[in-house]
Amino acid sequence: MTTHEAFSHLLGLMAVQADYMRLMVAVQDRQRLALVQFTPNDLQIATDEQSRLSNNLRILEKERLEFVSTLFQCSPKHASELSSSMIAEHCPNDMKDAFLSLRDEMKNLMQKLQFMNGVNRMLNERARRFSQTILGVLAPDGRSLYNRKV
């Protein structure tokens, strides 16, 4: 495999990762909406989708690291420590701009995902406290809400 072909493959892997990250942003937005509207079914659907996308992203990242380790003839652990700037230094000139642009987009998507994750975590905590408050009103002093055997 030529250097050009190798970096073309690497760019392809990164593009697929970016696609999954964009999907993850959309799913986290749906999660946020479900948390705000207190719609548990929508929340469950979004959470299941998020789990599926996370697993796929993990697989893609492993594949990318294995490919980088092969490309640079190093261990996957060392490949994970290579900076994108260092990898870009070895990128063919006609692909360097595309590589750096994709890297920047993925960094931005990661920042957006981290922010949305924080917002959703806060909304989830709010929904949990709201549910506890409602249950406290319905069953004061920790007494059972139902006192009949079924």
C-alpha atoms as a PDB file:
ATOM      1  CA  MET A   1       0.000   0.000   0.000  1.00  0.00           C
ATOM      2  CA  THR A   2       1.426   3.380  -0.987  1.00  0.00           C
ATOM      3  CA  THR A   3       1.561   6.301   1.431  1.00  0.00           C
ATOM      4  CA  HIS A   4      -1.154   8.035  -0.553  1.00  0.00           C
ATOM      5  CA  GLU A   5      -3.413   4.973  -0.364  1.00  0.00           C
ATOM      6  CA  ALA A   6      -2.706   4.564   3.343  1.00  0.00           C
ATOM      7  CA  PHE A   7      -3.624   8.143   4.180  1.00  0.00           C
ATOM      8  CA  SER A   8      -6.640   7.916   1.914  1.00  0.00           C
ATOM      9  CA  HIS A   9      -7.779   4.923   3.979  1.00  0.00           C
ATOM     10  CA  LEU A  10      -7.061   6.811   7.217  1.00  0.00           C
ATOM     11  CA  LEU A  11      -9.096   9.785   5.993  1.00  0.00           C
ATOM     12  CA  GLY A  12     -11.930   7.401   5.137  1.00  0.00           C
ATOM     13  CA  LEU A  13     -11.879   5.957   8.657  1.00  0.00           C
ATOM     14  CA  MET A  14     -11.871   9.443  10.153  1.00  0.00           C
ATOM     15  CA  ALA A  15     -14.742  10.539   7.910  1.00  0.00           C
ATOM     16  CA  VAL A  16     -16.849   7.610   9.096  1.00  0.00           C
ATOM     17  CA  GLN A  17     -15.999   8.474  12.704  1.00  0.00           C
ATOM     18  CA  ALA A  18     -17.057  12.079  12.073  1.00  0.00           C
ATOM     19  CA  ASP A  19     -20.343  10.835  10.586  1.00  0.00           C
ATOM     20  CA  TYR A  20     -21.014   8.779  13.718  1.00  0.00           C
ATOM     21  CA  MET A  21     -20.117  11.753  15.898  1.00  0.00           C
ATOM     22  CA  ARG A  22     -22.631  13.920  14.000  1.00  0.00           C
ATOM     23  CA  LEU A  23     -25.265  11.230  14.570  1.00  0.00           C
ATOM     24  CA  MET A  24     -24.322  11.163  18.251  1.00  0.00           C
ATOM     25  CA  VAL A  25     -24.847  14.947  18.474  1.00  0.00           C
ATOM     26  CA  ALA A  26     -28.335  14.512  16.996  1.00  0.00           C
ATOM     27  CA  VAL A  27     -29.125  11.677  19.428  1.00  0.00           C
ATOM     28  CA  GLN A  28     -27.921  13.695  22.404  1.00  0.00           C
ATOM     29  CA  ASP A  29     -30.156  16.541  21.253  1.00  0.00           C
ATOM     30  CA  ARG A  30     -33.101  14.107  21.172  1.00  0.00           C
ATOM     31  CA  GLN A  31     -32.130  12.951  24.661  1.00  0.00           C
ATOM     32  CA  ARG A  32     -32.115  16.550  25.854  1.00  0.00           C
ATOM     33  CA  LEU A  33     -35.572  17.111  24.416  1.00  0.00           C
ATOM     34  CA  ALA A  34     -36.899  13.908  26.018  1.00  0.00           C
ATOM     35  CA  LEU A  35     -35.480  14.959  29.386  1.00  0.00           C
ATOM     36  CA  VAL A  36     -36.994  18.439  29.131  1.00  0.00           C
ATOM     37  CA  GLN A  37     -40.383  17.082  28.089  1.00  0.00           C
ATOM     38  CA  PHE A  38     -40.280  14.144  30.536  1.00  0.00           C
ATOM     39  CA  THR A  39     -40.978  11.579  27.802  1.00  0.00           C
ATOM     40  CA  PRO A  40     -39.432   8.313  29.064  1.00  0.00           C
ATOM     41  CA  ASN A  41     -40.138   6.321  25.896  1.00  0.00           C
ATOM     42  CA  ASP A  42     -38.313   8.862  23.729  1.00  0.00           C
ATOM     43  CA  LEU A  43     -35.505   8.963  26.270  1.00  0.00           C
ATOM     44  CA  GLN A  44     -35.144   5.182  26.163  1.00  0.00           C
ATOM     45  CA  ILE A  45     -35.059   5.146  22.362  1.00  0.00           C
ATOM     46  CA  ALA A  46     -32.421   7.891  22.297  1.00  0.00           C
ATOM     47  CA  THR A  47     -30.375   6.175  25.016  1.00  0.00           C
ATOM     48  CA  ASP A  48     -30.436   2.855  23.161  1.00  0.00           C
ATOM     49  CA  GLU A  49     -29.355   4.623  19.968  1.00  0.00           C
ATOM     50  CA  GLN A  50     -26.597   6.434  21.856  1.00  0.00           C
ATOM     51  CA  SER A  51     -25.326   3.127  23.216  1.00  0.00           C
ATOM     52  CA  ARG A  52     -25.267   1.608  19.728  1.00  0.00           C
ATOM     53  CA  LEU A  53     -23.445   4.612  18.289  1.00  0.00           C
ATOM     54  CA  SER A  54     -20.941   4.619  21.181  1.00  0.00           C
ATOM     55  CA  ASN A  55     -20.136   0.972  20.556  1.00  0.00           C
ATOM     56  CA  ASN A  56     -19.658   1.633  16.843  1.00  0.00           C
ATOM     57  CA  LEU A  57     -17.422   4.623  17.598  1.00  0.00           C
ATOM     58  CA  ARG A  58     -15.332   2.489  19.956  1.00  0.00           C
ATOM     59  CA  ILE A  59     -14.897  -0.124  17.217  1.00  0.00           C
ATOM     60  CA  LEU A  60     -13.967   2.543  14.651  1.00  0.00           C
ATOM     61  CA  GLU A  61     -11.464   4.140  17.020  1.00  0.00           C
ATOM     62  CA  LYS A  62      -9.850   0.761  17.662  1.00  0.00           C
ATOM     63  CA  GLU A  63      -9.680   0.152  13.913  1.00  0.00           C
ATOM     64  CA  ARG A  64      -8.174   3.622  13.356  1.00  0.00           C
ATOM     65  CA  LEU A  65      -5.537   3.068  16.053  1.00  0.00           C
ATOM     66  CA  GLU A  66      -4.644  -0.346  14.650  1.00  0.00           C
ATOM     67  CA  PHE A  67      -4.273   1.173  11.202  1.00  0.00           C
ATOM     68  CA  VAL A  68      -2.123   4.048  12.507  1.00  0.00           C
ATOM     69  CA  SER A  69       0.029   1.553  14.417  1.00  0.00           C
ATOM     70  CA  THR A  70       0.534  -0.410  11.183  1.00  0.00           C
ATOM     71  CA  LEU A  71       1.186   2.760   9.188  1.00  0.00           C
ATOM     72  CA  PHE A  72       3.795   4.014  11.669  1.00  0.00           C
ATOM     73  CA  GLN A  73       5.015   0.532  12.641  1.00  0.00           C
ATOM     74  CA  CYS A  74       4.376   1.004  16.347  1.00  0.00           C
ATOM     75  CA  SER A  75       2.155  -0.461  19.049  1.00  0.00           C
ATOM     76  CA  PRO A  76      -1.521   0.558  19.262  1.00  0.00           C
ATOM     77  CA  LYS A  77      -0.714   2.161  22.637  1.00  0.00           C
ATOM     78  CA  HIS A  78       1.999   4.286  21.041  1.00  0.00           C
ATOM     79  CA  ALA A  79      -0.327   5.051  18.112  1.00  0.00           C
ATOM     80  CA  SER A  80      -2.888   6.443  20.564  1.00  0.00           C
ATOM     81  CA  GLU A  81      -0.225   8.830  21.881  1.00  0.00           C
ATOM     82  CA  LEU A  82       0.683  10.211  18.442  1.00  0.00           C
ATOM     83  CA  SER A  83      -0.619  13.736  18.012  1.00  0.00           C
ATOM     84  CA  SER A  84      -2.668  14.546  14.968  1.00  0.00           C
ATOM     85  CA  SER A  85      -0.082  17.224  14.115  1.00  0.00           C
ATOM     86  CA  MET A  86       2.622  14.570  14.045  1.00  0.00           C
ATOM     87  CA  ILE A  87       0.496  12.343  11.833  1.00  0.00           C
ATOM     88  CA  ALA A  88      -0.226  15.329   9.557  1.00  0.00           C
ATOM     89  CA  GLU A  89       3.523  15.836   9.052  1.00  0.00           C
ATOM     90  CA  HIS A  90       3.628  12.480   7.264  1.00  0.00           C
ATOM     91  CA  CYS A  91       0.462  13.096   5.264  1.00  0.00           C
ATOM     92  CA  PRO A  92       0.903  13.660   1.509  1.00  0.00           C
ATOM     93  CA  ASN A  93       0.714  17.371   0.696  1.00  0.00           C
ATOM     94  CA  ASP A  94      -2.410  17.028  -1.435  1.00  0.00           C
ATOM     95  CA  MET A  95      -4.236  15.427   1.516  1.00  0.00           C
ATOM     96  CA  LYS A  96      -2.894  17.508   4.384  1.00  0.00           C
ATOM     97  CA  ASP A  97      -5.622  20.179   4.260  1.00  0.00           C
ATOM     98  CA  ALA A  98      -8.366  17.536   4.188  1.00  0.00           C
ATOM     99  CA  PHE A  99      -6.736  15.714   7.111  1.00  0.00           C
ATOM    100  CA  LEU A 100      -6.380  18.871   9.219  1.00  0.00           C
ATOM    101  CA  SER A 101      -9.899  20.020   8.370  1.00  0.00           C
ATOM    102  CA  LEU A 102     -11.366  16.656   9.373  1.00  0.00           C
ATOM    103  CA  ARG A 103      -9.271  16.645  12.551  1.00  0.00           C
ATOM    104  CA  ASP A 104     -10.585  20.122  13.476  1.00  0.00           C
ATOM    105  CA  GLU A 105     -14.172  19.092  12.761  1.00  0.00           C
ATOM    106  CA  MET A 106     -13.799  16.001  14.947  1.00  0.00           C
ATOM    107  CA  LYS A 107     -12.326  18.107  17.774  1.00  0.00           C
ATOM    108  CA  ASN A 108     -15.281  20.495  17.527  1.00  0.00           C
ATOM    109  CA  LEU A 109     -17.749  17.612  17.508  1.00  0.00           C
ATOM    110  CA  MET A 110     -16.050  16.102  20.564  1.00  0.00           C
ATOM    111  CA  GLN A 111     -16.312  19.418  22.428  1.00  0.00           C
ATOM    112  CA  LYS A 112     -19.964  19.687  21.475  1.00  0.00           C
ATOM    113  CA  LEU A 113     -20.605  16.114  22.656  1.00  0.00           C
ATOM    114  CA  GLN A 114     -18.891  16.812  25.980  1.00  0.00           C
ATOM    115  CA  PHE A 115     -20.977  19.951  26.481  1.00  0.00           C
ATOM    116  CA  MET A 116     -24.223  18.190  25.563  1.00  0.00           C
ATOM    117  CA  ASN A 117     -23.302  15.303  27.849  1.00  0.00           C
ATOM    118  CA  GLY A 118     -22.986  17.751  30.745  1.00  0.00           C
ATOM    119  CA  VAL A 119     -26.332  19.373  29.946  1.00  0.00           C
ATOM    120  CA  ASN A 120     -28.064  16.000  29.687  1.00  0.00           C
ATOM    121  CA  ARG A 121     -26.501  14.850  32.946  1.00  0.00           C
ATOM    122  CA  MET A 122     -27.868  17.989  34.652  1.00  0.00           C
ATOM    123  CA  LEU A 123     -31.322  17.481  33.115  1.00  0.00           C
ATOM    124  CA  ASN A 124     -31.295  13.834  34.150  1.00  0.00           C
ATOM    125  CA  GLU A 125     -30.532  14.831  37.726  1.00  0.00           C
ATOM    126  CA  ARG A 126     -33.358  17.397  37.600  1.00  0.00           C
ATOM    127  CA  ALA A 127     -35.793  14.734  36.366  1.00  0.00           C
ATOM    128  CA  ARG A 128     -34.647  12.345  39.114  1.00  0.00           C
ATOM    129  CA  ARG A 129     -35.172  14.980  41.827  1.00  0.00           C
ATOM    130  CA  PHE A 130     -38.568  15.874  40.370  1.00  0.00           C
ATOM    131  CA  SER A 131     -39.621  12.215  40.458  1.00  0.00           C
ATOM    132  CA  GLN A 132     -38.434  11.881  44.048  1.00  0.00           C
ATOM    133  CA  THR A 133     -40.387  15.012  45.014  1.00  0.00           C
ATOM    134  CA  ILE A 134     -43.569  13.695  43.411  1.00  0.00           C
ATOM    135  CA  LEU A 135     -43.149  10.329  45.131  1.00  0.00           C
ATOM    136  CA  GLY A 136     -42.548  12.164  48.410  1.00  0.00           C
ATOM    137  CA  VAL A 137     -45.834  14.025  47.993  1.00  0.00           C
ATOM    138  CA  LEU A 138     -47.701  10.835  47.148  1.00  0.00           C
ATOM    139  CA  ALA A 139     -46.072   8.749  49.873  1.00  0.00           C
ATOM    140  CA  PRO A 140     -45.026  11.088  52.726  1.00  0.00           C
ATOM    141  CA  ASP A 141     -42.772   9.813  55.504  1.00  0.00           C
ATOM    142  CA  GLY A 142     -41.499   7.027  53.264  1.00  0.00           C
ATOM    143  CA  ARG A 143     -44.645   4.958  53.667  1.00  0.00           C
ATOM    144  CA  SER A 144     -45.551   2.536  50.949  1.00  0.00           C
ATOM    145  CA  LEU A 145     -47.538   4.014  48.109  1.00  0.00           C
ATOM    146  CA  TYR A 146     -49.473   0.764  47.820  1.00  0.00           C
ATOM    147  CA  ASN A 147     -50.546  -1.198  50.848  1.00  0.00           C
ATOM    148  CA  ARG A 148     -52.348  -4.099  49.259  1.00  0.00           C
ATOM    149  CA  LYS A 149     -51.049  -7.462  48.253  1.00  0.00           C
ATOM    150  CA  VAL A 150     -51.445  -8.342  44.621  1.00  0.00           C
END
